[in-house]
């Protein structure tokens, strides 16, 4: 196979009988070049197969015009909605994205951080893996004053003024369990992920606070930590059926696990919500379409993505020192059939 000659601005200039500097400015959309000339240059560049060397240009400008995004999992409905919000805001401001997933592994997260750093991203948006317990792997970003914005999964950095975008997970967990208590539930299971992660730890704290305020006993065996995947329901129901005092309510920390629980309960002829009421978390599409429709906490993922991205871009455009802050978005309990026993409850 023969290698074709790389087309340069000099080739375009020769074909159009223009100067190389005019072609260069035309390709950059410089308004000093007439609109019809810019169009001729653009058409010729496409026809001749010209590729702009954005990497070289970015090196000259000391900017990659690229934002790095690190997520725990790409196959999460919630994280997908966050990415949609990030992409929407990045497109508005003409930033490119490099997206990677840690697969809930601190080691993989460290590898992703190295890749982002070596790719010279201008800034980083990150939601931490569930087993991440420190931020030392981000020091190389912070030492070079490359801005970092945390969203959803966060921890505090001891030395850095970091920006976080979150919801009040403790209050959200409290609201979910309060609803189950209002429906008459007294033995409530908490089904969550790794309690080292702030989102599950705080939802669990809200769960415990609601029990305490209503004089209900906290039983450690009612706290179940799982992967929160499609198989989590069967694993949870198996444990529940072995209990001497069978639970009458479940607060699951995501909708996938909540729906999985309901499916598994149906398989053993346990009625939802009459025998066991179920509340999920995230308000993904399946929560509305499933039968019974799922009571859940609305977590504004797309809004979180937009806000995290716009905050980071503002930091990139602002030369002032970063003011540490935590931006808290509003959650909302959406009441549907999976938990309603009291006919006076409004959905």
Foldseek 3Di string as FASTA:
>chain_A
DDDDDADDLVNLCVVVVHDSVLLVCLCVVNVVRDPVVSVSSVVSCVVVVHDDPLVVVCVVVLASLEEEEEAQDPPDLLQVLLVLLQVVQSVVVVGHYDYDYQVLDPVSVLVSLVVCVVVSHQAYEYAHRLPDDADPSCVVCVVVPRAYEYEDFDDDHPPDQYEYEHAQLLVQLLVQLLLLVVQPWQFEAEEEARCSTPNSVSSVNSNVVNCVVVVHDDDPLSYHHDPLALCLLQVVVVSQVPDPDRGLEYEYAADNNQVSVQVNCVVVPHDFNVRYAYEHEQPGPVQCVDVQRHWYKHDNSSVSSNVRNVVSVVSSVDPDDDHRDYHHDDIGTDDTRRRHPDPPDDD
